[in-house]
Amino acid sequence: MEEKNRRMRAERNNWIEFSVILVACNLKHCLRKAIQSVLDQEFKNFELIIVDDGSANGSLQVVEFSRINVISRKNGGTARARNIGLNVAKGKYVAFLDGDDYWYPDHLKMAFHFFRKHPRIHVYAAGYAEGREGCIPRRKRTPGFFVLQRLGIMGLLFIHTSSVVLNSSLAASLPCWEAGMRRGNDILYWMRLMRKTDRIGLGKKVGSVHVRQIGSVLQEQDCRNISVEKLLFRLLEEWKLMPHRQWQFAVHFLIVRELHPDRLLEMERKARLRFLQVIGAMLHGWLERPYFNAYVQTCSQGTLADMEKAFGKLLARINCWCIWADRVERWGMRPWSFLRGK
C-alpha cells in the first residue's frame, strides 16, 4: 500500500525518480532483453531513454514498448551517447545500462532504498556478475545490504557502468563523458567523480549482469594497438588534479595494469624509461616504489619473462594495499591520519 501511494503521488506531481540511459549500437540480438529488464523493474517510477548510436542492423526495430524515449544519432561512440542521454534526463537519479547488459528486477528498488537510507551519499553501485553471450550466470542468493566505501581505495575496482546510479545534480556537475577515448573513458569518468565525492554505496546483492560479447575480445585486441602513452594520457592528467592521489590505490592499480611488458617493449628504451619515471613519481612513496623500481630496472635490463614476473609482483603489491586500506576503512580508521605518503 505504501509503495502504491508513493507511486500515485509521484505520478500526480510528475516526479521522476530514475532516468535510465540505455545506449544501443548494432545490438539487435540482445537489445530486447536489456529493454525488458528495465520495464520489468519492481520500482516503477522511472523513464527509459534509449540513445541509438548509429545502429546499422535494425537494432531499434525490436523496440515496440511504450514509456520509452528513443533518440537516434550518427555513430559517435558510447561516451557521446551517454552525454546525449544525460542532457535530456529528468529524474532525480541517473542509471546507466549498456545495450548488451541487463538488470535483475530489483535493481532500481535496491538503489531507491539505499538513497533513502543514506541521503548524503550520491553514488550507488549494485553488485554485478560477469557473463558471456549465451552463457548467463545464475544469480547467487546474497543478503541485500550495503557497504559505504571510499571510491578510490577499493570501490573503483568493484563497479561497472551498468551497475552505477548517480544523483542527477552530481552528474550535472561533472565534465562530460570523454568521447575521444577508445578505451578508459569510464575510468576517467569515475576518477572525475572522485574529485566531487569520495564516498560510494556498494550493494552486496547482484543487480546487473555485464555480458561480454564475442566481438569484445576483438575490441580488446584492437585496443592493444594503442600506444600506452596515448592510452594513459588523460588518466594521468586527471590523476595529477586529485588532492590525495597517493592514497588512491584503486587508481594506482588501474593505471599500472596498462604498463604490461608487451606494450612497453613497443617503445624505444629511453622513451620507455622516461615514461615509467613520470608514473613512478606519482605513486605512493614507500608502498609501491620498491616494487615499481624493480620493474623499471627489469624493463631496462631484463628479458620479457623477467619483466612479466616483476610486473605481476607490482600488481599484486598494489592489490594487497587496496585490500589493506579497505579493511582499515571498514574498521573506522583513517590511514592518512597516521601515515603520510610522499
C-alpha atoms as a PDB file:
ATOM      1  CA  MET A   1       0.000   0.000   0.000  1.00  0.00           C
ATOM      2  CA  GLU A   2       2.839   2.382   0.874  1.00  0.00           C
ATOM      3  CA  GLU A   3       4.508   1.700  -2.465  1.00  0.00           C
ATOM      4  CA  LYS A   4       1.224   2.250  -4.318  1.00  0.00           C
ATOM      5  CA  ASN A   5       0.566   5.563  -2.546  1.00  0.00           C
ATOM      6  CA  ARG A   6       4.097   6.768  -3.187  1.00  0.00           C
ATOM      7  CA  ARG A   7       3.767   5.900  -6.870  1.00  0.00           C
ATOM      8  CA  MET A   8       0.442   7.756  -7.116  1.00  0.00           C
ATOM      9  CA  ARG A   9       1.962  10.853  -5.510  1.00  0.00           C
ATOM     10  CA  ALA A  10       4.899  10.713  -7.899  1.00  0.00           C
ATOM     11  CA  GLU A  11       2.645  10.417 -10.936  1.00  0.00           C
ATOM     12  CA  ARG A  12       0.403  13.232  -9.699  1.00  0.00           C
ATOM     13  CA  ASN A  13       3.354  15.560  -9.190  1.00  0.00           C
ATOM     14  CA  ASN A  14       5.044  14.444 -12.433  1.00  0.00           C
ATOM     15  CA  TRP A  15       8.078  13.412 -10.383  1.00  0.00           C
ATOM     16  CA  ILE A  16      10.569  11.026 -11.945  1.00  0.00           C
ATOM     17  CA  GLU A  17      12.839   9.178  -9.554  1.00  0.00           C
ATOM     18  CA  PHE A  18      15.213   7.473 -12.036  1.00  0.00           C
ATOM     19  CA  SER A  19      16.294   8.304 -15.560  1.00  0.00           C
ATOM     20  CA  VAL A  20      17.641   5.142 -17.185  1.00  0.00           C
ATOM     21  CA  ILE A  21      20.075   5.846 -20.033  1.00  0.00           C
ATOM     22  CA  LEU A  22      20.469   2.836 -22.312  1.00  0.00           C
ATOM     23  CA  VAL A  23      22.995   3.027 -25.150  1.00  0.00           C
ATOM     24  CA  ALA A  24      22.421   0.791 -28.163  1.00  0.00           C
ATOM     25  CA  CYS A  25      24.568   0.254 -31.241  1.00  0.00           C
ATOM     26  CA  ASN A  26      24.106  -2.768 -33.517  1.00  0.00           C
ATOM     27  CA  LEU A  27      22.686  -4.914 -30.717  1.00  0.00           C
ATOM     28  CA  LYS A  28      19.574  -6.307 -32.346  1.00  0.00           C
ATOM     29  CA  HIS A  29      20.121  -9.782 -30.913  1.00  0.00           C
ATOM     30  CA  CYS A  30      20.204  -8.676 -27.260  1.00  0.00           C
ATOM     31  CA  LEU A  31      18.594  -5.227 -27.039  1.00  0.00           C
ATOM     32  CA  ARG A  32      15.093  -6.566 -26.385  1.00  0.00           C
ATOM     33  CA  LYS A  33      16.285  -8.370 -23.255  1.00  0.00           C
ATOM     34  CA  ALA A  34      18.022  -5.240 -21.963  1.00  0.00           C
ATOM     35  CA  ILE A  35      14.900  -3.120 -22.517  1.00  0.00           C
ATOM     36  CA  GLN A  36      12.618  -5.723 -20.976  1.00  0.00           C
ATOM     37  CA  SER A  37      14.855  -5.924 -17.892  1.00  0.00           C
ATOM     38  CA  VAL A  38      14.214  -2.204 -17.345  1.00  0.00           C
ATOM     39  CA  LEU A  39      10.466  -2.442 -17.924  1.00  0.00           C
ATOM     40  CA  ASP A  40      10.276  -5.381 -15.518  1.00  0.00           C
ATOM     41  CA  GLN A  41      11.697  -3.343 -12.634  1.00  0.00           C
ATOM     42  CA  GLU A  42       9.741  -3.679  -9.413  1.00  0.00           C
ATOM     43  CA  PHE A  43      10.298   0.027  -8.810  1.00  0.00           C
ATOM     44  CA  LYS A  44       8.169   1.706 -11.497  1.00  0.00           C
ATOM     45  CA  ASN A  45       8.905   5.419 -11.185  1.00  0.00           C
ATOM     46  CA  PHE A  46      11.450   5.796 -13.970  1.00  0.00           C
ATOM     47  CA  GLU A  47      11.892   6.998 -17.530  1.00  0.00           C
ATOM     48  CA  LEU A  48      13.820   4.999 -20.111  1.00  0.00           C
ATOM     49  CA  ILE A  49      15.968   6.911 -22.572  1.00  0.00           C
ATOM     50  CA  ILE A  50      17.412   4.839 -25.407  1.00  0.00           C
ATOM     51  CA  VAL A  51      20.192   6.517 -27.361  1.00  0.00           C
ATOM     52  CA  ASP A  52      20.725   4.755 -30.676  1.00  0.00           C
ATOM     53  CA  ASP A  53      24.364   5.313 -31.563  1.00  0.00           C
ATOM     54  CA  GLY A  54      24.047   4.959 -35.331  1.00  0.00           C
ATOM     55  CA  SER A  55      22.866   1.342 -35.447  1.00  0.00           C
ATOM     56  CA  ALA A  56      23.095  -0.161 -38.914  1.00  0.00           C
ATOM     57  CA  ASN A  57      21.497  -3.567 -38.311  1.00  0.00           C
ATOM     58  CA  GLY A  58      17.946  -2.593 -37.399  1.00  0.00           C
ATOM     59  CA  SER A  59      18.512  -2.706 -33.644  1.00  0.00           C
ATOM     60  CA  LEU A  60      15.628  -0.365 -32.825  1.00  0.00           C
ATOM     61  CA  GLN A  61      13.140  -2.412 -34.812  1.00  0.00           C
ATOM     62  CA  VAL A  62      12.836  -4.524 -31.696  1.00  0.00           C
ATOM     63  CA  VAL A  63      11.598  -1.524 -29.711  1.00  0.00           C
ATOM     64  CA  GLU A  64       7.845  -1.967 -29.509  1.00  0.00           C
ATOM     65  CA  PHE A  65       7.282  -0.703 -25.989  1.00  0.00           C
ATOM     66  CA  SER A  66       5.664   2.426 -24.645  1.00  0.00           C
ATOM     67  CA  ARG A  67       7.218   4.678 -21.974  1.00  0.00           C
ATOM     68  CA  ILE A  68      10.428   4.842 -23.984  1.00  0.00           C
ATOM     69  CA  ASN A  69      12.153   7.931 -25.334  1.00  0.00           C
ATOM     70  CA  VAL A  70      14.265   6.917 -28.332  1.00  0.00           C
ATOM     71  CA  ILE A  71      16.952   9.283 -29.584  1.00  0.00           C
ATOM     72  CA  SER A  72      18.782   8.379 -32.797  1.00  0.00           C
ATOM     73  CA  ARG A  73      22.146   9.919 -33.628  1.00  0.00           C
ATOM     74  CA  LYS A  74      25.007   9.256 -36.013  1.00  0.00           C
ATOM     75  CA  ASN A  75      27.615   6.926 -34.593  1.00  0.00           C
ATOM     76  CA  GLY A  76      29.833   8.835 -32.199  1.00  0.00           C
ATOM     77  CA  GLY A  77      30.714   6.291 -29.568  1.00  0.00           C
ATOM     78  CA  THR A  78      29.223   5.174 -26.274  1.00  0.00           C
ATOM     79  CA  ALA A  79      30.541   8.154 -24.299  1.00  0.00           C
ATOM     80  CA  ARG A  80      28.887  10.690 -26.583  1.00  0.00           C
ATOM     81  CA  ALA A  81      25.640   8.730 -26.495  1.00  0.00           C
ATOM     82  CA  ARG A  82      25.639   8.830 -22.688  1.00  0.00           C
ATOM     83  CA  ASN A  83      26.165  12.586 -22.776  1.00  0.00           C
ATOM     84  CA  ILE A  84      23.120  12.930 -25.035  1.00  0.00           C
ATOM     85  CA  GLY A  85      21.068  10.889 -22.592  1.00  0.00           C
ATOM     86  CA  LEU A  86      22.220  12.994 -19.645  1.00  0.00           C
ATOM     87  CA  ASN A  87      21.162  16.184 -21.428  1.00  0.00           C
ATOM     88  CA  VAL A  88      17.523  15.064 -21.642  1.00  0.00           C
ATOM     89  CA  ALA A  89      17.267  13.137 -18.356  1.00  0.00           C
ATOM     90  CA  LYS A  90      14.631  14.443 -15.921  1.00  0.00           C
ATOM     91  CA  GLY A  91      14.986  12.053 -12.997  1.00  0.00           C
ATOM     92  CA  LYS A  92      16.385  12.746  -9.533  1.00  0.00           C
ATOM     93  CA  TYR A  93      18.876   9.920 -10.163  1.00  0.00           C
ATOM     94  CA  VAL A  94      20.558   8.669 -13.322  1.00  0.00           C
ATOM     95  CA  ALA A  95      21.216   4.979 -14.004  1.00  0.00           C
ATOM     96  CA  PHE A  96      23.278   3.677 -16.908  1.00  0.00           C
ATOM     97  CA  LEU A  97      22.741   0.459 -18.834  1.00  0.00           C
ATOM     98  CA  ASP A  98      24.676  -0.790 -21.859  1.00  0.00           C
ATOM     99  CA  GLY A  99      22.521  -2.353 -24.532  1.00  0.00           C
ATOM    100  CA  ASP A 100      24.099  -5.797 -24.199  1.00  0.00           C
ATOM    101  CA  ASP A 101      23.784  -5.946 -20.391  1.00  0.00           C
ATOM    102  CA  TYR A 102      20.660  -6.367 -18.292  1.00  0.00           C
ATOM    103  CA  TRP A 103      19.282  -5.805 -14.795  1.00  0.00           C
ATOM    104  CA  TYR A 104      17.543  -8.019 -12.310  1.00  0.00           C
ATOM    105  CA  PRO A 105      14.005  -6.824 -11.385  1.00  0.00           C
ATOM    106  CA  ASP A 106      15.018  -5.307  -8.040  1.00  0.00           C
ATOM    107  CA  HIS A 107      17.977  -3.234  -9.279  1.00  0.00           C
ATOM    108  CA  LEU A 108      16.250   0.168  -9.055  1.00  0.00           C
ATOM    109  CA  LYS A 109      14.423  -0.783  -5.889  1.00  0.00           C
ATOM    110  CA  MET A 110      17.723  -1.533  -4.143  1.00  0.00           C
ATOM    111  CA  ALA A 111      19.098   1.821  -5.300  1.00  0.00           C
ATOM    112  CA  PHE A 112      15.990   3.624  -4.053  1.00  0.00           C
ATOM    113  CA  HIS A 113      16.232   2.030  -0.608  1.00  0.00           C
ATOM    114  CA  PHE A 114      19.925   2.864  -0.404  1.00  0.00           C
ATOM    115  CA  PHE A 115      19.465   6.555  -1.195  1.00  0.00           C
ATOM    116  CA  ARG A 116      16.542   6.804   1.198  1.00  0.00           C
ATOM    117  CA  LYS A 117      18.686   5.307   3.972  1.00  0.00           C
ATOM    118  CA  HIS A 118      21.815   7.331   3.062  1.00  0.00           C
ATOM    119  CA  PRO A 119      20.596  10.651   1.609  1.00  0.00           C
ATOM    120  CA  ARG A 120      24.052  12.261   1.850  1.00  0.00           C
ATOM    121  CA  ILE A 121      25.679   9.615  -0.358  1.00  0.00           C
ATOM    122  CA  HIS A 122      25.155  10.416  -4.039  1.00  0.00           C
ATOM    123  CA  VAL A 123      26.640   7.339  -5.730  1.00  0.00           C
ATOM    124  CA  TYR A 124      25.428   3.752  -5.563  1.00  0.00           C
ATOM    125  CA  ALA A 125      26.572   0.615  -7.360  1.00  0.00           C
ATOM    126  CA  ALA A 126      24.941  -2.773  -7.024  1.00  0.00           C
ATOM    127  CA  GLY A 127      26.988  -5.910  -7.296  1.00  0.00           C
ATOM    128  CA  TYR A 128      27.349  -7.221 -10.828  1.00  0.00           C
ATOM    129  CA  ALA A 129      28.090 -10.568 -12.402  1.00  0.00           C
ATOM    130  CA  GLU A 130      30.156 -11.345 -15.489  1.00  0.00           C
ATOM    131  CA  GLY A 131      28.521 -13.402 -18.190  1.00  0.00           C
ATOM    132  CA  ARG A 132      29.248 -14.344 -21.765  1.00  0.00           C
ATOM    133  CA  GLU A 133      26.854 -14.268 -24.657  1.00  0.00           C
ATOM    134  CA  GLY A 134      24.724 -17.399 -24.484  1.00  0.00           C
ATOM    135  CA  CYS A 135      26.108 -18.344 -21.056  1.00  0.00           C
ATOM    136  CA  ILE A 136      24.450 -16.214 -18.369  1.00  0.00           C
ATOM    137  CA  PRO A 137      25.451 -16.990 -14.750  1.00  0.00           C
ATOM    138  CA  ARG A 138      22.842 -17.915 -12.177  1.00  0.00           C
ATOM    139  CA  ARG A 139      22.159 -15.258  -9.581  1.00  0.00           C
ATOM    140  CA  LYS A 140      23.653 -16.043  -6.205  1.00  0.00           C
ATOM    141  CA  ARG A 141      21.470 -15.689  -3.136  1.00  0.00           C
ATOM    142  CA  THR A 142      23.047 -12.856  -1.185  1.00  0.00           C
ATOM    143  CA  PRO A 143      21.523 -10.713   1.576  1.00  0.00           C
ATOM    144  CA  GLY A 144      20.632  -7.286   0.231  1.00  0.00           C
ATOM    145  CA  PHE A 145      22.688  -4.918   2.362  1.00  0.00           C
ATOM    146  CA  PHE A 146      25.049  -2.066   1.565  1.00  0.00           C
ATOM    147  CA  VAL A 147      28.595  -1.054   2.410  1.00  0.00           C
ATOM    148  CA  LEU A 148      29.802   2.538   2.451  1.00  0.00           C
ATOM    149  CA  GLN A 149      33.174   2.650   0.780  1.00  0.00           C
ATOM    150  CA  ARG A 150      35.764   5.199  -0.228  1.00  0.00           C
ATOM    151  CA  LEU A 151      35.603   5.178  -4.003  1.00  0.00           C
ATOM    152  CA  GLY A 152      39.330   5.451  -4.523  1.00  0.00           C
ATOM    153  CA  ILE A 153      40.525   2.781  -2.099  1.00  0.00           C
ATOM    154  CA  MET A 154      38.861  -0.293  -3.475  1.00  0.00           C
ATOM    155  CA  GLY A 155      35.341   0.634  -4.538  1.00  0.00           C
ATOM    156  CA  LEU A 156      36.533   1.622  -8.002  1.00  0.00           C
ATOM    157  CA  LEU A 157      37.530  -1.979  -8.674  1.00  0.00           C
ATOM    158  CA  PHE A 158      34.038  -3.281  -7.920  1.00  0.00           C
ATOM    159  CA  ILE A 159      31.827  -1.139 -10.129  1.00  0.00           C
ATOM    160  CA  HIS A 160      30.686  -1.397 -13.710  1.00  0.00           C
ATOM    161  CA  THR A 161      28.852   1.252 -15.717  1.00  0.00           C
ATOM    162  CA  SER A 162      25.646  -0.796 -15.905  1.00  0.00           C
ATOM    163  CA  SER A 163      25.576  -1.107 -12.110  1.00  0.00           C
ATOM    164  CA  VAL A 164      26.055   2.578 -11.197  1.00  0.00           C
ATOM    165  CA  VAL A 165      23.342   5.053 -10.168  1.00  0.00           C
ATOM    166  CA  LEU A 166      24.194   8.736  -9.611  1.00  0.00           C
ATOM    167  CA  ASN A 167      22.407  11.689  -8.128  1.00  0.00           C
ATOM    168  CA  SER A 168      21.479  13.883 -11.129  1.00  0.00           C
ATOM    169  CA  SER A 169      22.803  17.062  -9.528  1.00  0.00           C
ATOM    170  CA  LEU A 170      26.159  15.361  -9.029  1.00  0.00           C
ATOM    171  CA  ALA A 171      26.170  14.077 -12.626  1.00  0.00           C
ATOM    172  CA  ALA A 172      25.409  17.598 -13.877  1.00  0.00           C
ATOM    173  CA  SER A 173      28.442  18.972 -12.019  1.00  0.00           C
ATOM    174  CA  LEU A 174      30.840  16.522 -13.703  1.00  0.00           C
ATOM    175  CA  PRO A 175      32.601  17.009 -17.033  1.00  0.00           C
ATOM    176  CA  CYS A 176      31.022  15.099 -19.891  1.00  0.00           C
ATOM    177  CA  TRP A 177      31.993  11.548 -20.706  1.00  0.00           C
ATOM    178  CA  GLU A 178      35.207  11.738 -22.753  1.00  0.00           C
ATOM    179  CA  ALA A 179      34.081  10.955 -26.290  1.00  0.00           C
ATOM    180  CA  GLY A 180      37.550  10.842 -27.841  1.00  0.00           C
ATOM    181  CA  MET A 181      38.879   7.893 -25.823  1.00  0.00           C
ATOM    182  CA  ARG A 182      38.753   4.429 -27.367  1.00  0.00           C
ATOM    183  CA  ARG A 183      39.377   2.831 -24.000  1.00  0.00           C
ATOM    184  CA  GLY A 184      39.205   4.003 -20.408  1.00  0.00           C
ATOM    185  CA  ASN A 185      36.541   6.743 -20.654  1.00  0.00           C
ATOM    186  CA  ASP A 186      34.567   5.029 -17.882  1.00  0.00           C
ATOM    187  CA  ILE A 187      37.613   5.012 -15.573  1.00  0.00           C
ATOM    188  CA  LEU A 188      38.228   8.678 -16.360  1.00  0.00           C
ATOM    189  CA  TYR A 189      34.599   9.474 -15.510  1.00  0.00           C
ATOM    190  CA  TRP A 190      34.843   7.713 -12.138  1.00  0.00           C
ATOM    191  CA  MET A 191      38.132   9.490 -11.408  1.00  0.00           C
ATOM    192  CA  ARG A 192      36.422  12.812 -12.037  1.00  0.00           C
ATOM    193  CA  LEU A 193      33.613  11.649  -9.813  1.00  0.00           C
ATOM    194  CA  MET A 194      36.148  11.026  -7.040  1.00  0.00           C
ATOM    195  CA  ARG A 195      37.084  14.703  -7.033  1.00  0.00           C
ATOM    196  CA  LYS A 196      33.450  15.575  -6.296  1.00  0.00           C
ATOM    197  CA  THR A 197      32.633  12.879  -3.780  1.00  0.00           C
ATOM    198  CA  ASP A 198      34.841  10.096  -2.474  1.00  0.00           C
ATOM    199  CA  ARG A 199      32.031   8.006  -0.948  1.00  0.00           C
ATOM    200  CA  ILE A 200      30.048   5.302  -2.698  1.00  0.00           C
ATOM    201  CA  GLY A 201      27.465   2.785  -1.577  1.00  0.00           C
ATOM    202  CA  LEU A 202      28.233  -0.745  -2.734  1.00  0.00           C
ATOM    203  CA  GLY A 203      25.394  -3.229  -2.835  1.00  0.00           C
ATOM    204  CA  LYS A 204      26.287  -6.763  -1.823  1.00  0.00           C
ATOM    205  CA  LYS A 205      23.460  -8.217  -3.866  1.00  0.00           C
ATOM    206  CA  VAL A 206      23.975  -8.593  -7.615  1.00  0.00           C
ATOM    207  CA  GLY A 207      21.746  -6.197  -9.529  1.00  0.00           C
ATOM    208  CA  SER A 208      23.135  -6.376 -13.059  1.00  0.00           C
ATOM    209  CA  VAL A 209      24.895  -8.717 -15.459  1.00  0.00           C
ATOM    210  CA  HIS A 210      27.691  -7.484 -17.689  1.00  0.00           C
ATOM    211  CA  VAL A 211      27.587  -9.629 -20.824  1.00  0.00           C
ATOM    212  CA  ARG A 212      30.855  -9.944 -22.722  1.00  0.00           C
ATOM    213  CA  GLN A 213      30.041 -10.225 -26.401  1.00  0.00           C
ATOM    214  CA  ILE A 214      32.079 -12.396 -28.753  1.00  0.00           C
ATOM    215  CA  GLY A 215      33.258  -9.286 -30.559  1.00  0.00           C
ATOM    216  CA  SER A 216      34.550  -7.711 -27.335  1.00  0.00           C
ATOM    217  CA  VAL A 217      37.647  -9.922 -27.476  1.00  0.00           C
ATOM    218  CA  LEU A 218      38.499  -8.452 -30.878  1.00  0.00           C
ATOM    219  CA  GLN A 219      37.933  -4.946 -29.490  1.00  0.00           C
ATOM    220  CA  GLU A 220      40.338  -5.623 -26.633  1.00  0.00           C
ATOM    221  CA  GLN A 221      42.955  -6.837 -29.094  1.00  0.00           C
ATOM    222  CA  ASP A 222      42.407  -3.687 -31.138  1.00  0.00           C
ATOM    223  CA  CYS A 223      42.959  -1.568 -28.018  1.00  0.00           C
ATOM    224  CA  ARG A 224      46.319  -3.241 -27.523  1.00  0.00           C
ATOM    225  CA  ASN A 225      47.467  -1.463 -30.659  1.00  0.00           C
ATOM    226  CA  ILE A 226      47.015   1.889 -28.918  1.00  0.00           C
ATOM    227  CA  SER A 227      50.287   3.227 -27.562  1.00  0.00           C
ATOM    228  CA  VAL A 228      50.477   3.146 -23.772  1.00  0.00           C
ATOM    229  CA  GLU A 229      51.278   6.883 -23.684  1.00  0.00           C
ATOM    230  CA  LYS A 230      48.121   7.734 -25.621  1.00  0.00           C
ATOM    231  CA  LEU A 231      46.091   5.271 -23.605  1.00  0.00           C
ATOM    232  CA  LEU A 232      47.052   6.747 -20.241  1.00  0.00           C
ATOM    233  CA  PHE A 233      47.483  10.423 -21.121  1.00  0.00           C
ATOM    234  CA  ARG A 234      44.050  11.651 -19.922  1.00  0.00           C
ATOM    235  CA  LEU A 235      44.041   9.381 -16.883  1.00  0.00           C
ATOM    236  CA  LEU A 236      47.421  10.709 -15.740  1.00  0.00           C
ATOM    237  CA  GLU A 237      46.314  14.298 -16.292  1.00  0.00           C
ATOM    238  CA  GLU A 238      43.243  13.680 -14.128  1.00  0.00           C
ATOM    239  CA  TRP A 239      45.303  11.886 -11.500  1.00  0.00           C
ATOM    240  CA  LYS A 240      47.525  14.961 -11.110  1.00  0.00           C
ATOM    241  CA  LEU A 241      44.460  17.000 -10.109  1.00  0.00           C
ATOM    242  CA  MET A 242      43.477  14.687  -7.255  1.00  0.00           C
ATOM    243  CA  PRO A 243      44.137  16.154  -3.803  1.00  0.00           C
ATOM    244  CA  HIS A 244      45.066  12.788  -2.246  1.00  0.00           C
ATOM    245  CA  ARG A 245      46.242  10.753  -5.198  1.00  0.00           C
ATOM    246  CA  GLN A 246      48.872   8.905  -3.138  1.00  0.00           C
ATOM    247  CA  TRP A 247      46.066   7.082  -1.342  1.00  0.00           C
ATOM    248  CA  GLN A 248      44.006   6.270  -4.427  1.00  0.00           C
ATOM    249  CA  PHE A 249      45.166   2.676  -4.539  1.00  0.00           C
ATOM    250  CA  ALA A 250      42.463   1.516  -6.926  1.00  0.00           C
ATOM    251  CA  VAL A 251      43.567   4.185  -9.403  1.00  0.00           C
ATOM    252  CA  HIS A 252      47.176   3.043  -8.927  1.00  0.00           C
ATOM    253  CA  PHE A 253      46.104  -0.445  -9.927  1.00  0.00           C
ATOM    254  CA  LEU A 254      44.015   0.623 -12.945  1.00  0.00           C
ATOM    255  CA  ILE A 255      46.832   2.758 -14.333  1.00  0.00           C
ATOM    256  CA  VAL A 256      49.725   0.419 -13.595  1.00  0.00           C
ATOM    257  CA  ARG A 257      47.903  -2.573 -15.099  1.00  0.00           C
ATOM    258  CA  GLU A 258      48.201  -0.895 -18.513  1.00  0.00           C
ATOM    259  CA  LEU A 259      52.009  -0.959 -18.223  1.00  0.00           C
ATOM    260  CA  HIS A 260      52.124  -4.507 -19.494  1.00  0.00           C
ATOM    261  CA  PRO A 261      55.548  -5.595 -20.804  1.00  0.00           C
ATOM    262  CA  ASP A 262      54.164  -6.178 -24.310  1.00  0.00           C
ATOM    263  CA  ARG A 263      53.122  -2.537 -24.548  1.00  0.00           C
ATOM    264  CA  LEU A 264      56.333  -1.170 -23.055  1.00  0.00           C
ATOM    265  CA  LEU A 265      58.531  -3.178 -25.406  1.00  0.00           C
ATOM    266  CA  GLU A 266      56.930  -1.370 -28.336  1.00  0.00           C
ATOM    267  CA  MET A 267      58.543   1.846 -27.090  1.00  0.00           C
ATOM    268  CA  GLU A 268      62.156   2.832 -27.536  1.00  0.00           C
ATOM    269  CA  ARG A 269      64.247   2.136 -24.440  1.00  0.00           C
ATOM    270  CA  LYS A 270      64.853   5.780 -23.477  1.00  0.00           C
ATOM    271  CA  ALA A 271      61.230   6.771 -24.061  1.00  0.00           C
ATOM    272  CA  ARG A 272      60.078   3.748 -22.067  1.00  0.00           C
ATOM    273  CA  LEU A 273      62.220   4.589 -19.035  1.00  0.00           C
ATOM    274  CA  ARG A 274      61.284   8.273 -19.207  1.00  0.00           C
ATOM    275  CA  PHE A 275      57.579   7.383 -19.265  1.00  0.00           C
ATOM    276  CA  LEU A 276      57.946   4.998 -16.321  1.00  0.00           C
ATOM    277  CA  GLN A 277      59.738   7.688 -14.317  1.00  0.00           C
ATOM    278  CA  VAL A 278      56.787  10.032 -14.778  1.00  0.00           C
ATOM    279  CA  ILE A 279      54.390   7.440 -13.413  1.00  0.00           C
ATOM    280  CA  GLY A 280      56.733   6.353 -10.636  1.00  0.00           C
ATOM    281  CA  ALA A 281      56.907   9.921  -9.308  1.00  0.00           C
ATOM    282  CA  MET A 282      53.128   9.849  -8.806  1.00  0.00           C
ATOM    283  CA  LEU A 283      52.940   6.553  -6.919  1.00  0.00           C
ATOM    284  CA  HIS A 284      52.905   6.324  -3.152  1.00  0.00           C
ATOM    285  CA  GLY A 285      56.370   6.952  -1.752  1.00  0.00           C
ATOM    286  CA  TRP A 286      57.002   3.701   0.073  1.00  0.00           C
ATOM    287  CA  LEU A 287      54.059   1.383  -0.540  1.00  0.00           C
ATOM    288  CA  GLU A 288      54.743   0.654  -4.216  1.00  0.00           C
ATOM    289  CA  ARG A 289      58.023   2.380  -5.050  1.00  0.00           C
ATOM    290  CA  PRO A 290      60.374  -0.574  -4.292  1.00  0.00           C
ATOM    291  CA  TYR A 291      58.316  -2.899  -6.497  1.00  0.00           C
ATOM    292  CA  PHE A 292      57.911  -0.262  -9.180  1.00  0.00           C
ATOM    293  CA  ASN A 293      61.641   0.480  -9.190  1.00  0.00           C
ATOM    294  CA  ALA A 294      62.333  -3.245  -9.546  1.00  0.00           C
ATOM    295  CA  TYR A 295      60.015  -3.341 -12.549  1.00  0.00           C
ATOM    296  CA  VAL A 296      61.714  -0.311 -14.104  1.00  0.00           C
ATOM    297  CA  GLN A 297      65.110  -1.919 -13.662  1.00  0.00           C
ATOM    298  CA  THR A 298      63.861  -5.145 -15.229  1.00  0.00           C
ATOM    299  CA  CYS A 299      62.411  -3.194 -18.151  1.00  0.00           C
ATOM    300  CA  SER A 300      65.845  -1.695 -18.664  1.00  0.00           C
ATOM    301  CA  GLN A 301      67.940  -4.851 -18.476  1.00  0.00           C
ATOM    302  CA  GLY A 302      65.801  -7.977 -18.213  1.00  0.00           C
ATOM    303  CA  THR A 303      64.098 -10.329 -20.630  1.00  0.00           C
ATOM    304  CA  LEU A 304      60.386 -10.481 -21.366  1.00  0.00           C
ATOM    305  CA  ALA A 305      59.969 -13.305 -18.850  1.00  0.00           C
ATOM    306  CA  ASP A 306      61.708 -11.240 -16.150  1.00  0.00           C
ATOM    307  CA  MET A 307      59.522  -8.225 -16.969  1.00  0.00           C
ATOM    308  CA  GLU A 308      56.328 -10.251 -16.709  1.00  0.00           C
ATOM    309  CA  LYS A 309      57.422 -11.661 -13.348  1.00  0.00           C
ATOM    310  CA  ALA A 310      58.255  -8.208 -11.947  1.00  0.00           C
ATOM    311  CA  PHE A 311      55.013  -6.806 -13.405  1.00  0.00           C
ATOM    312  CA  GLY A 312      52.979  -9.492 -11.650  1.00  0.00           C
ATOM    313  CA  LYS A 313      54.629  -8.704  -8.310  1.00  0.00           C
ATOM    314  CA  LEU A 314      53.896  -4.996  -8.738  1.00  0.00           C
ATOM    315  CA  LEU A 315      50.195  -5.563  -9.452  1.00  0.00           C
ATOM    316  CA  ALA A 316      49.936  -7.990  -6.528  1.00  0.00           C
ATOM    317  CA  ARG A 317      51.535  -5.410  -4.236  1.00  0.00           C
ATOM    318  CA  ILE A 318      49.074  -2.656  -5.171  1.00  0.00           C
ATOM    319  CA  ASN A 319      46.162  -5.043  -4.891  1.00  0.00           C
ATOM    320  CA  CYS A 320      47.398  -6.008  -1.419  1.00  0.00           C
ATOM    321  CA  TRP A 321      47.354  -2.372  -0.328  1.00  0.00           C
ATOM    322  CA  CYS A 322      43.875  -1.943  -1.793  1.00  0.00           C
ATOM    323  CA  ILE A 323      42.668  -4.776   0.439  1.00  0.00           C
ATOM    324  CA  TRP A 324      44.579  -3.447   3.450  1.00  0.00           C
ATOM    325  CA  ALA A 325      43.227   0.092   3.095  1.00  0.00           C
ATOM    326  CA  ASP A 326      39.723  -1.278   2.547  1.00  0.00           C
ATOM    327  CA  ARG A 327      39.891  -3.183   5.834  1.00  0.00           C
ATOM    328  CA  VAL A 328      41.256  -0.175   7.698  1.00  0.00           C
ATOM    329  CA  GLU A 329      38.410   1.917   6.325  1.00  0.00           C
ATOM    330  CA  ARG A 330      35.886  -0.654   7.462  1.00  0.00           C
ATOM    331  CA  TRP A 331      37.361  -0.588  10.944  1.00  0.00           C
ATOM    332  CA  GLY A 332      36.602   3.113  11.054  1.00  0.00           C
ATOM    333  CA  MET A 333      40.249   4.176  10.972  1.00  0.00           C
ATOM    334  CA  ARG A 334      41.805   6.779   8.692  1.00  0.00           C
ATOM    335  CA  PRO A 335      45.211   5.628   7.423  1.00  0.00           C
ATOM    336  CA  TRP A 336      46.094   9.075   6.125  1.00  0.00           C
ATOM    337  CA  SER A 337      45.882  10.438   9.695  1.00  0.00           C
ATOM    338  CA  PHE A 338      48.875   8.458  10.919  1.00  0.00           C
ATOM    339  CA  LEU A 339      50.689   7.571   7.703  1.00  0.00           C
ATOM    340  CA  ARG A 340      51.826  10.193   5.265  1.00  0.00           C
ATOM    341  CA  GLY A 341      52.827   9.452   1.719  1.00  0.00           C
ATOM    342  CA  LYS A 342      55.259  11.458  -0.259  1.00  0.00           C
END
